[in-house]
PDB file of N, CA and C in Angstrom:
ATOM      1  N   UNK A   1    -118.746 -64.241  14.612  1.00  0.00           N
ATOM      2  CA  UNK A   1    -118.310 -63.588  13.366  1.00  0.00           C
ATOM      3  C   UNK A   1    -119.243 -62.429  13.057  1.00  0.00           C
ATOM      4  N   UNK A   2    -118.642 -61.257  12.785  1.00  0.00           N
ATOM      5  CA  UNK A   2    -119.419 -60.110  12.538  1.00  0.00           C
ATOM      6  C   UNK A   2    -119.279 -59.733  11.040  1.00  0.00           C
ATOM      7  N   UNK A   3    -120.377 -59.353  10.416  1.00  0.00           N
ATOM      8  CA  UNK A   3    -120.401 -58.891   9.074  1.00  0.00           C
ATOM      9  C   UNK A   3    -120.571 -57.384   8.930  1.00  0.00           C
ATOM     10  N   UNK A   4    -120.652 -56.717  10.063  1.00  0.00           N
ATOM     11  CA  UNK A   4    -120.836 -55.246   9.995  1.00  0.00           C
ATOM     12  C   UNK A   4    -119.457 -54.567   9.875  1.00  0.00           C
ATOM     13  N   UNK A   5    -119.454 -53.552   9.021  1.00  0.00           N
ATOM     14  CA  UNK A   5    -118.143 -52.753   8.932  1.00  0.00           C
ATOM     15  C   UNK A   5    -118.545 -51.299   8.949  1.00  0.00           C
ATOM     16  N   UNK A   6    -117.685 -50.533   9.594  1.00  0.00           N
ATOM     17  CA  UNK A   6    -117.879 -49.089   9.715  1.00  0.00           C
ATOM     18  C   UNK A   6    -117.550 -48.453   8.382  1.00  0.00           C
ATOM     19  N   UNK A   7    -118.258 -47.493   7.942  1.00  0.00           N
ATOM     20  CA  UNK A   7    -117.940 -46.720   6.731  1.00  0.00           C
ATOM     21  C   UNK A   7    -118.521 -45.317   6.881  1.00  0.00           C
ATOM     22  N   UNK A   8    -118.032 -44.437   6.078  1.00  0.00           N
ATOM     23  CA  UNK A   8    -118.610 -43.078   6.045  1.00  0.00           C
ATOM     24  C   UNK A   8    -118.672 -42.664   4.614  1.00  0.00           C
ATOM     25  N   UNK A   9    -119.532 -41.663   4.326  1.00  0.00           N
ATOM     26  CA  UNK A   9    -119.664 -41.118   3.034  1.00  0.00           C
ATOM     27  C   UNK A   9    -120.015 -39.655   3.180  1.00  0.00           C
ATOM     28  N   UNK A  10    -119.456 -38.873   2.226  1.00  0.00           N
ATOM     29  CA  UNK A  10    -119.721 -37.380   2.284  1.00  0.00           C
ATOM     30  C   UNK A  10    -120.534 -37.122   0.992  1.00  0.00           C
ATOM     31  N   UNK A  11    -121.732 -36.459   1.191  1.00  0.00           N
ATOM     32  CA  UNK A  11    -122.598 -36.154   0.105  1.00  0.00           C
ATOM     33  C   UNK A  11    -123.059 -34.721   0.182  1.00  0.00           C
ATOM     34  N   UNK A  12    -123.031 -34.016  -0.943  1.00  0.00           N
ATOM     35  CA  UNK A  12    -123.531 -32.686  -0.988  1.00  0.00           C
ATOM     36  C   UNK A  12    -124.849 -32.727  -1.773  1.00  0.00           C
ATOM     37  N   UNK A  13    -125.848 -32.038  -1.285  1.00  0.00           N
ATOM     38  CA  UNK A  13    -127.144 -31.847  -1.950  1.00  0.00           C
ATOM     39  C   UNK A  13    -127.733 -30.539  -1.577  1.00  0.00           C
ATOM     40  N   UNK A  14    -128.692 -30.044  -2.367  1.00  0.00           N
ATOM     41  CA  UNK A  14    -129.332 -28.801  -2.058  1.00  0.00           C
ATOM     42  C   UNK A  14    -130.801 -28.835  -2.378  1.00  0.00           C
ATOM     43  N   UNK A  15    -131.590 -28.041  -1.677  1.00  0.00           N
ATOM     44  CA  UNK A  15    -132.975 -27.842  -1.891  1.00  0.00           C
ATOM     45  C   UNK A  15    -133.162 -26.325  -2.204  1.00  0.00           C
ATOM     46  N   UNK A  16    -133.669 -26.052  -3.371  1.00  0.00           N
ATOM     47  CA  UNK A  16    -133.924 -24.655  -3.761  1.00  0.00           C
ATOM     48  C   UNK A  16    -135.349 -24.613  -4.266  1.00  0.00           C
ATOM     49  N   UNK A  17    -136.217 -24.003  -3.415  1.00  0.00           N
ATOM     50  CA  UNK A  17    -137.636 -23.989  -3.808  1.00  0.00           C
ATOM     51  C   UNK A  17    -138.163 -25.442  -3.735  1.00  0.00           C
ATOM     52  N   UNK A  18    -138.744 -25.859  -4.930  1.00  0.00           N
ATOM     53  CA  UNK A  18    -139.214 -27.217  -5.000  1.00  0.00           C
ATOM     54  C   UNK A  18    -138.253 -28.096  -5.748  1.00  0.00           C
ATOM     55  N   UNK A  19    -137.021 -27.687  -5.908  1.00  0.00           N
ATOM     56  CA  UNK A  19    -136.001 -28.462  -6.611  1.00  0.00           C
ATOM     57  C   UNK A  19    -135.042 -29.091  -5.664  1.00  0.00           C
ATOM     58  N   UNK A  20    -134.671 -30.313  -5.969  1.00  0.00           N
ATOM     59  CA  UNK A  20    -133.599 -31.027  -5.241  1.00  0.00           C
ATOM     60  C   UNK A  20    -132.377 -31.064  -6.209  1.00  0.00           C
ATOM     61  N   UNK A  21    -131.237 -30.620  -5.784  1.00  0.00           N
ATOM     62  CA  UNK A  21    -130.050 -30.629  -6.659  1.00  0.00           C
ATOM     63  C   UNK A  21    -129.047 -31.592  -6.056  1.00  0.00           C
ATOM     64  N   UNK A  22    -128.398 -32.378  -6.919  1.00  0.00           N
ATOM     65  CA  UNK A  22    -127.394 -33.306  -6.423  1.00  0.00           C
ATOM     66  C   UNK A  22    -127.998 -34.725  -6.575  1.00  0.00           C
ATOM     67  N   UNK A  23    -127.516 -35.631  -5.854  1.00  0.00           N
ATOM     68  CA  UNK A  23    -126.347 -35.545  -4.951  1.00  0.00           C
ATOM     69  C   UNK A  23    -125.001 -35.556  -5.628  1.00  0.00           C
ATOM     70  N   UNK A  24    -124.014 -35.005  -4.973  1.00  0.00           N
ATOM     71  CA  UNK A  24    -122.669 -35.096  -5.354  1.00  0.00           C
ATOM     72  C   UNK A  24    -121.945 -35.858  -4.314  1.00  0.00           C
ATOM     73  N   UNK A  25    -121.367 -37.006  -4.600  1.00  0.00           N
ATOM     74  CA  UNK A  25    -120.702 -37.880  -3.682  1.00  0.00           C
ATOM     75  C   UNK A  25    -119.191 -37.611  -3.752  1.00  0.00           C
ATOM     76  N   UNK A  26    -118.547 -37.311  -2.638  1.00  0.00           N
ATOM     77  CA  UNK A  26    -117.095 -37.069  -2.578  1.00  0.00           C
ATOM     78  C   UNK A  26    -116.443 -38.441  -2.372  1.00  0.00           C
ATOM     79  N   UNK A  27    -115.321 -38.658  -3.097  1.00  0.00           N
ATOM     80  CA  UNK A  27    -114.548 -39.836  -2.986  1.00  0.00           C
ATOM     81  C   UNK A  27    -113.532 -39.598  -1.909  1.00  0.00           C
ATOM     82  N   UNK A  28    -113.379 -40.571  -0.994  1.00  0.00           N
ATOM     83  CA  UNK A  28    -112.412 -40.500   0.055  1.00  0.00           C
ATOM     84  C   UNK A  28    -112.795 -39.551   1.175  1.00  0.00           C
ATOM     85  N   UNK A  29    -111.870 -39.236   2.004  1.00  0.00           N
ATOM     86  CA  UNK A  29    -112.174 -38.335   3.135  1.00  0.00           C
ATOM     87  C   UNK A  29    -112.169 -36.857   2.680  1.00  0.00           C
ATOM     88  N   UNK A  30    -113.271 -36.184   2.955  1.00  0.00           N
ATOM     89  CA  UNK A  30    -113.397 -34.821   2.514  1.00  0.00           C
ATOM     90  C   UNK A  30    -112.513 -33.910   3.293  1.00  0.00           C
ATOM     91  N   UNK A  31    -111.816 -33.036   2.523  1.00  0.00           N
ATOM     92  CA  UNK A  31    -110.985 -32.045   3.198  1.00  0.00           C
ATOM     93  C   UNK A  31    -111.261 -30.725   2.588  1.00  0.00           C
ATOM     94  N   UNK A  32    -110.648 -29.627   3.032  1.00  0.00           N
ATOM     95  CA  UNK A  32    -110.871 -28.268   2.520  1.00  0.00           C
ATOM     96  C   UNK A  32    -110.524 -28.131   1.080  1.00  0.00           C
ATOM     97  N   UNK A  33    -109.431 -28.745   0.626  1.00  0.00           N
ATOM     98  CA  UNK A  33    -108.989 -28.661  -0.741  1.00  0.00           C
ATOM     99  C   UNK A  33    -110.039 -29.265  -1.692  1.00  0.00           C
ATOM    100  N   UNK A  34    -110.539 -30.487  -1.305  1.00  0.00           N
ATOM    101  CA  UNK A  34    -111.586 -31.135  -2.103  1.00  0.00           C
ATOM    102  C   UNK A  34    -112.831 -30.320  -2.155  1.00  0.00           C
ATOM    103  N   UNK A  35    -113.211 -29.783  -1.016  1.00  0.00           N
ATOM    104  CA  UNK A  35    -114.486 -29.003  -0.929  1.00  0.00           C
ATOM    105  C   UNK A  35    -114.423 -27.736  -1.768  1.00  0.00           C
ATOM    106  N   UNK A  36    -113.260 -27.006  -1.673  1.00  0.00           N
ATOM    107  CA  UNK A  36    -113.100 -25.817  -2.462  1.00  0.00           C
ATOM    108  C   UNK A  36    -113.086 -26.234  -3.960  1.00  0.00           C
ATOM    109  N   UNK A  37    -112.481 -27.292  -4.332  1.00  0.00           N
ATOM    110  CA  UNK A  37    -112.514 -27.780  -5.777  1.00  0.00           C
ATOM    111  C   UNK A  37    -113.953 -27.935  -6.166  1.00  0.00           C
ATOM    112  N   UNK A  38    -114.797 -28.554  -5.353  1.00  0.00           N
ATOM    113  CA  UNK A  38    -116.195 -28.807  -5.631  1.00  0.00           C
ATOM    114  C   UNK A  38    -116.897 -27.421  -5.804  1.00  0.00           C
ATOM    115  N   UNK A  39    -116.665 -26.491  -4.927  1.00  0.00           N
ATOM    116  CA  UNK A  39    -117.341 -25.203  -4.990  1.00  0.00           C
ATOM    117  C   UNK A  39    -116.908 -24.494  -6.320  1.00  0.00           C
ATOM    118  N   UNK A  40    -115.698 -24.583  -6.653  1.00  0.00           N
ATOM    119  CA  UNK A  40    -115.183 -23.842  -7.813  1.00  0.00           C
ATOM    120  C   UNK A  40    -115.580 -24.486  -9.163  1.00  0.00           C
ATOM    121  N   UNK A  41    -115.630 -25.846  -9.183  1.00  0.00           N
ATOM    122  CA  UNK A  41    -115.831 -26.513 -10.480  1.00  0.00           C
ATOM    123  C   UNK A  41    -117.103 -27.268 -10.702  1.00  0.00           C
ATOM    124  N   UNK A  42    -117.648 -27.869  -9.589  1.00  0.00           N
ATOM    125  CA  UNK A  42    -118.885 -28.662  -9.695  1.00  0.00           C
ATOM    126  C   UNK A  42    -120.117 -27.860  -9.383  1.00  0.00           C
ATOM    127  N   UNK A  43    -120.082 -27.000  -8.383  1.00  0.00           N
ATOM    128  CA  UNK A  43    -121.279 -26.282  -8.026  1.00  0.00           C
ATOM    129  C   UNK A  43    -121.767 -25.393  -9.150  1.00  0.00           C
ATOM    130  N   UNK A  44    -120.897 -24.679  -9.898  1.00  0.00           N
ATOM    131  CA  UNK A  44    -121.440 -23.841 -10.988  1.00  0.00           C
ATOM    132  C   UNK A  44    -122.216 -24.695 -11.976  1.00  0.00           C
ATOM    133  N   UNK A  45    -121.751 -25.912 -12.318  1.00  0.00           N
ATOM    134  CA  UNK A  45    -122.452 -26.775 -13.247  1.00  0.00           C
ATOM    135  C   UNK A  45    -123.827 -27.229 -12.675  1.00  0.00           C
ATOM    136  N   UNK A  46    -123.793 -27.556 -11.386  1.00  0.00           N
ATOM    137  CA  UNK A  46    -125.048 -27.997 -10.748  1.00  0.00           C
ATOM    138  C   UNK A  46    -126.065 -26.887 -10.747  1.00  0.00           C
ATOM    139  N   UNK A  47    -125.610 -25.646 -10.459  1.00  0.00           N
ATOM    140  CA  UNK A  47    -126.500 -24.479 -10.422  1.00  0.00           C
ATOM    141  C   UNK A  47    -126.965 -23.980 -11.827  1.00  0.00           C
ATOM    142  N   UNK A  48    -126.373 -24.528 -12.923  1.00  0.00           N
ATOM    143  CA  UNK A  48    -126.881 -24.220 -14.224  1.00  0.00           C
ATOM    144  C   UNK A  48    -128.285 -24.603 -14.385  1.00  0.00           C
ATOM    145  N   UNK A  49    -128.803 -25.593 -13.616  1.00  0.00           N
ATOM    146  CA  UNK A  49    -130.186 -26.024 -13.655  1.00  0.00           C
ATOM    147  C   UNK A  49    -131.188 -24.932 -13.141  1.00  0.00           C
ATOM    148  N   UNK A  50    -130.643 -23.983 -12.386  1.00  0.00           N
ATOM    149  CA  UNK A  50    -131.484 -22.922 -11.760  1.00  0.00           C
ATOM    150  C   UNK A  50    -131.561 -21.751 -12.628  1.00  0.00           C
ATOM    151  N   UNK A  51    -132.752 -21.164 -12.833  1.00  0.00           N
ATOM    152  CA  UNK A  51    -132.944 -19.918 -13.538  1.00  0.00           C
ATOM    153  C   UNK A  51    -132.043 -18.839 -12.989  1.00  0.00           C
ATOM    154  N   UNK A  52    -131.308 -18.085 -13.853  1.00  0.00           N
ATOM    155  CA  UNK A  52    -130.382 -17.033 -13.373  1.00  0.00           C
ATOM    156  C   UNK A  52    -131.058 -16.045 -12.420  1.00  0.00           C
ATOM    157  N   UNK A  53    -132.347 -15.746 -12.669  1.00  0.00           N
ATOM    158  CA  UNK A  53    -133.028 -14.817 -11.779  1.00  0.00           C
ATOM    159  C   UNK A  53    -133.100 -15.387 -10.344  1.00  0.00           C
ATOM    160  N   UNK A  54    -133.341 -16.605 -10.186  1.00  0.00           N
ATOM    161  CA  UNK A  54    -133.386 -17.233  -8.820  1.00  0.00           C
ATOM    162  C   UNK A  54    -132.010 -17.504  -8.307  1.00  0.00           C
ATOM    163  N   UNK A  55    -131.077 -17.738  -9.212  1.00  0.00           N
ATOM    164  CA  UNK A  55    -129.667 -18.083  -8.706  1.00  0.00           C
ATOM    165  C   UNK A  55    -129.089 -16.921  -7.953  1.00  0.00           C
ATOM    166  N   UNK A  56    -129.437 -15.696  -8.346  1.00  0.00           N
ATOM    167  CA  UNK A  56    -128.822 -14.557  -7.657  1.00  0.00           C
ATOM    168  C   UNK A  56    -129.359 -14.365  -6.238  1.00  0.00           C
ATOM    169  N   UNK A  57    -130.444 -15.007  -5.846  1.00  0.00           N
ATOM    170  CA  UNK A  57    -130.987 -14.912  -4.543  1.00  0.00           C
ATOM    171  C   UNK A  57    -130.531 -16.086  -3.617  1.00  0.00           C
ATOM    172  N   UNK A  58    -129.704 -16.900  -4.142  1.00  0.00           N
ATOM    173  CA  UNK A  58    -129.312 -18.060  -3.279  1.00  0.00           C
ATOM    174  C   UNK A  58    -128.561 -17.627  -2.028  1.00  0.00           C
ATOM    175  N   UNK A  59    -128.908 -18.175  -0.943  1.00  0.00           N
ATOM    176  CA  UNK A  59    -128.130 -17.999   0.314  1.00  0.00           C
ATOM    177  C   UNK A  59    -127.560 -19.350   0.615  1.00  0.00           C
ATOM    178  N   UNK A  60    -126.218 -19.503   0.523  1.00  0.00           N
ATOM    179  CA  UNK A  60    -125.585 -20.751   0.722  1.00  0.00           C
ATOM    180  C   UNK A  60    -125.448 -21.028   2.220  1.00  0.00           C
ATOM    181  N   UNK A  61    -125.929 -22.237   2.660  1.00  0.00           N
ATOM    182  CA  UNK A  61    -125.837 -22.530   4.096  1.00  0.00           C
ATOM    183  C   UNK A  61    -125.180 -23.888   4.238  1.00  0.00           C
ATOM    184  N   UNK A  62    -124.278 -24.054   5.206  1.00  0.00           N
ATOM    185  CA  UNK A  62    -123.654 -25.325   5.396  1.00  0.00           C
ATOM    186  C   UNK A  62    -123.481 -25.557   6.921  1.00  0.00           C
ATOM    187  N   UNK A  63    -123.190 -26.802   7.283  1.00  0.00           N
ATOM    188  CA  UNK A  63    -122.961 -27.132   8.671  1.00  0.00           C
ATOM    189  C   UNK A  63    -121.535 -26.863   9.088  1.00  0.00           C
ATOM    190  N   UNK A  64    -121.153 -27.242  10.289  1.00  0.00           N
ATOM    191  CA  UNK A  64    -119.844 -26.939  10.822  1.00  0.00           C
ATOM    192  C   UNK A  64    -118.772 -28.000  10.552  1.00  0.00           C
ATOM    193  N   UNK A  65    -118.917 -28.749   9.518  1.00  0.00           N
ATOM    194  CA  UNK A  65    -117.858 -29.711   9.222  1.00  0.00           C
ATOM    195  C   UNK A  65    -116.545 -29.040   8.942  1.00  0.00           C
ATOM    196  N   UNK A  66    -115.434 -29.496   9.476  1.00  0.00           N
ATOM    197  CA  UNK A  66    -114.134 -28.814   9.330  1.00  0.00           C
ATOM    198  C   UNK A  66    -113.797 -28.392   7.849  1.00  0.00           C
ATOM    199  N   UNK A  67    -114.059 -29.259   6.835  1.00  0.00           N
ATOM    200  CA  UNK A  67    -113.689 -28.737   5.465  1.00  0.00           C
ATOM    201  C   UNK A  67    -114.498 -27.505   5.060  1.00  0.00           C
ATOM    202  N   UNK A  68    -115.636 -27.247   5.702  1.00  0.00           N
ATOM    203  CA  UNK A  68    -116.486 -26.117   5.297  1.00  0.00           C
ATOM    204  C   UNK A  68    -115.974 -24.756   5.764  1.00  0.00           C
ATOM    205  N   UNK A  69    -115.057 -24.777   6.704  1.00  0.00           N
ATOM    206  CA  UNK A  69    -114.633 -23.436   7.225  1.00  0.00           C
ATOM    207  C   UNK A  69    -113.123 -23.258   7.156  1.00  0.00           C
ATOM    208  N   UNK A  70    -112.459 -23.880   6.204  1.00  0.00           N
ATOM    209  CA  UNK A  70    -111.042 -23.528   6.016  1.00  0.00           C
ATOM    210  C   UNK A  70    -111.011 -22.056   5.465  1.00  0.00           C
ATOM    211  N   UNK A  71    -109.850 -21.470   5.640  1.00  0.00           N
ATOM    212  CA  UNK A  71    -109.776 -20.067   5.111  1.00  0.00           C
ATOM    213  C   UNK A  71    -110.069 -19.890   3.677  1.00  0.00           C
ATOM    214  N   UNK A  72    -109.586 -20.842   2.837  1.00  0.00           N
ATOM    215  CA  UNK A  72    -109.830 -20.679   1.386  1.00  0.00           C
ATOM    216  C   UNK A  72    -111.285 -20.857   1.040  1.00  0.00           C
ATOM    217  N   UNK A  73    -111.933 -21.803   1.720  1.00  0.00           N
ATOM    218  CA  UNK A  73    -113.406 -22.047   1.471  1.00  0.00           C
ATOM    219  C   UNK A  73    -114.189 -20.751   1.901  1.00  0.00           C
ATOM    220  N   UNK A  74    -113.907 -20.276   3.111  1.00  0.00           N
ATOM    221  CA  UNK A  74    -114.623 -19.040   3.554  1.00  0.00           C
ATOM    222  C   UNK A  74    -114.381 -17.888   2.616  1.00  0.00           C
ATOM    223  N   UNK A  75    -113.120 -17.710   2.203  1.00  0.00           N
ATOM    224  CA  UNK A  75    -112.843 -16.624   1.306  1.00  0.00           C
ATOM    225  C   UNK A  75    -113.630 -16.740  -0.032  1.00  0.00           C
ATOM    226  N   UNK A  76    -113.699 -17.936  -0.588  1.00  0.00           N
ATOM    227  CA  UNK A  76    -114.413 -18.199  -1.840  1.00  0.00           C
ATOM    228  C   UNK A  76    -115.884 -17.975  -1.604  1.00  0.00           C
ATOM    229  N   UNK A  77    -116.451 -18.475  -0.549  1.00  0.00           N
ATOM    230  CA  UNK A  77    -117.885 -18.258  -0.269  1.00  0.00           C
ATOM    231  C   UNK A  77    -118.242 -16.823  -0.105  1.00  0.00           C
ATOM    232  N   UNK A  78    -117.404 -16.069   0.557  1.00  0.00           N
ATOM    233  CA  UNK A  78    -117.650 -14.614   0.828  1.00  0.00           C
ATOM    234  C   UNK A  78    -117.586 -13.894  -0.527  1.00  0.00           C
ATOM    235  N   UNK A  79    -116.693 -14.254  -1.394  1.00  0.00           N
ATOM    236  CA  UNK A  79    -116.580 -13.584  -2.688  1.00  0.00           C
ATOM    237  C   UNK A  79    -117.716 -13.954  -3.595  1.00  0.00           C
ATOM    238  N   UNK A  80    -118.300 -15.168  -3.481  1.00  0.00           N
ATOM    239  CA  UNK A  80    -119.336 -15.622  -4.381  1.00  0.00           C
ATOM    240  C   UNK A  80    -120.752 -15.610  -3.815  1.00  0.00           C
ATOM    241  N   UNK A  81    -120.862 -15.767  -2.541  1.00  0.00           N
ATOM    242  CA  UNK A  81    -122.100 -15.729  -1.828  1.00  0.00           C
ATOM    243  C   UNK A  81    -122.011 -14.908  -0.577  1.00  0.00           C
ATOM    244  N   UNK A  82    -122.050 -13.598  -0.697  1.00  0.00           N
ATOM    245  CA  UNK A  82    -121.745 -12.722   0.448  1.00  0.00           C
ATOM    246  C   UNK A  82    -122.624 -12.900   1.663  1.00  0.00           C
ATOM    247  N   UNK A  83    -123.775 -13.622   1.502  1.00  0.00           N
ATOM    248  CA  UNK A  83    -124.695 -13.811   2.639  1.00  0.00           C
ATOM    249  C   UNK A  83    -124.670 -15.253   3.017  1.00  0.00           C
ATOM    250  N   UNK A  84    -123.563 -15.993   2.802  1.00  0.00           N
ATOM    251  CA  UNK A  84    -123.566 -17.404   3.150  1.00  0.00           C
ATOM    252  C   UNK A  84    -123.708 -17.591   4.645  1.00  0.00           C
ATOM    253  N   UNK A  85    -124.198 -18.735   5.059  1.00  0.00           N
ATOM    254  CA  UNK A  85    -124.458 -19.027   6.476  1.00  0.00           C
ATOM    255  C   UNK A  85    -123.592 -20.249   6.852  1.00  0.00           C
ATOM    256  N   UNK A  86    -122.787 -20.100   7.888  1.00  0.00           N
ATOM    257  CA  UNK A  86    -121.979 -21.242   8.365  1.00  0.00           C
ATOM    258  C   UNK A  86    -120.968 -20.702   9.364  1.00  0.00           C
ATOM    259  N   UNK A  87    -120.188 -21.592   9.877  1.00  0.00           N
ATOM    260  CA  UNK A  87    -119.186 -21.240  10.840  1.00  0.00           C
ATOM    261  C   UNK A  87    -118.165 -20.292  10.213  1.00  0.00           C
ATOM    262  N   UNK A  88    -117.999 -19.130  10.813  1.00  0.00           N
ATOM    263  CA  UNK A  88    -117.043 -18.069  10.367  1.00  0.00           C
ATOM    264  C   UNK A  88    -117.655 -17.263   9.220  1.00  0.00           C
ATOM    265  N   UNK A  89    -118.931 -17.394   8.909  1.00  0.00           N
ATOM    266  CA  UNK A  89    -119.531 -16.727   7.847  1.00  0.00           C
ATOM    267  C   UNK A  89    -120.071 -15.363   8.221  1.00  0.00           C
ATOM    268  N   UNK A  90    -120.491 -14.564   7.231  1.00  0.00           N
ATOM    269  CA  UNK A  90    -120.934 -13.160   7.523  1.00  0.00           C
ATOM    270  C   UNK A  90    -122.321 -13.054   8.194  1.00  0.00           C
ATOM    271  N   UNK A  91    -123.094 -14.109   8.110  1.00  0.00           N
ATOM    272  CA  UNK A  91    -124.507 -14.111   8.712  1.00  0.00           C
ATOM    273  C   UNK A  91    -124.484 -14.898   9.972  1.00  0.00           C
ATOM    274  N   UNK A  92    -124.675 -14.271  11.132  1.00  0.00           N
ATOM    275  CA  UNK A  92    -124.797 -15.052  12.362  1.00  0.00           C
ATOM    276  C   UNK A  92    -125.961 -15.970  12.364  1.00  0.00           C
ATOM    277  N   UNK A  93    -125.778 -17.197  12.893  1.00  0.00           N
ATOM    278  CA  UNK A  93    -126.825 -18.190  12.841  1.00  0.00           C
ATOM    279  C   UNK A  93    -126.638 -19.125  14.062  1.00  0.00           C
ATOM    280  N   UNK A  94    -127.776 -19.441  14.741  1.00  0.00           N
ATOM    281  CA  UNK A  94    -127.617 -20.427  15.906  1.00  0.00           C
ATOM    282  C   UNK A  94    -127.064 -21.744  15.433  1.00  0.00           C
ATOM    283  N   UNK A  95    -126.136 -22.272  16.134  1.00  0.00           N
ATOM    284  CA  UNK A  95    -125.486 -23.499  15.764  1.00  0.00           C
ATOM    285  C   UNK A  95    -126.381 -24.732  15.604  1.00  0.00           C
ATOM    286  N   UNK A  96    -127.427 -24.798  16.425  1.00  0.00           N
ATOM    287  CA  UNK A  96    -128.359 -26.023  16.395  1.00  0.00           C
ATOM    288  C   UNK A  96    -129.748 -25.614  15.946  1.00  0.00           C
ATOM    289  N   UNK A  97    -129.840 -24.619  15.094  1.00  0.00           N
ATOM    290  CA  UNK A  97    -131.152 -24.204  14.591  1.00  0.00           C
ATOM    291  C   UNK A  97    -131.795 -25.189  13.697  1.00  0.00           C
ATOM    292  N   UNK A  98    -133.004 -25.694  13.935  1.00  0.00           N
ATOM    293  CA  UNK A  98    -133.627 -26.638  12.977  1.00  0.00           C
ATOM    294  C   UNK A  98    -134.233 -25.906  11.756  1.00  0.00           C
ATOM    295  N   UNK A  99    -134.282 -24.609  11.830  1.00  0.00           N
ATOM    296  CA  UNK A  99    -134.813 -23.800  10.724  1.00  0.00           C
ATOM    297  C   UNK A  99    -133.803 -23.456   9.695  1.00  0.00           C
ATOM    298  N   UNK A 100    -134.031 -23.808   8.442  1.00  0.00           N
ATOM    299  CA  UNK A 100    -133.038 -23.633   7.467  1.00  0.00           C
ATOM    300  C   UNK A 100    -133.270 -22.342   6.659  1.00  0.00           C
ATOM    301  N   UNK A 101    -134.251 -21.529   7.085  1.00  0.00           N
ATOM    302  CA  UNK A 101    -134.529 -20.277   6.405  1.00  0.00           C
ATOM    303  C   UNK A 101    -133.963 -19.099   7.106  1.00  0.00           C
ATOM    304  N   UNK A 102    -133.269 -18.198   6.372  1.00  0.00           N
ATOM    305  CA  UNK A 102    -132.712 -17.002   7.027  1.00  0.00           C
ATOM    306  C   UNK A 102    -133.807 -16.020   7.461  1.00  0.00           C
TER     307      UNK A 102
END
């Protein structure tokens, strides 16, 4: 008899300077529509904790999860964070770089 069950969870969090923001837990399987909704509606509220002077210097970086590089998500990121880093983004970045600093 086995009591182990497979599960997955999608969590968004950020580190900005000495601040940890989040976590934001997504319900269900994350897709591009859900992620775009998060970017448009939840992210601005989360970033309200950051001083506007520092907020303008944010470089948004994400991994290569499929919901992160749908056309709508990339278009939104490019319009709101022109120097975002990720698959299909405007800033080239090594896929397996351990360094999170541009």
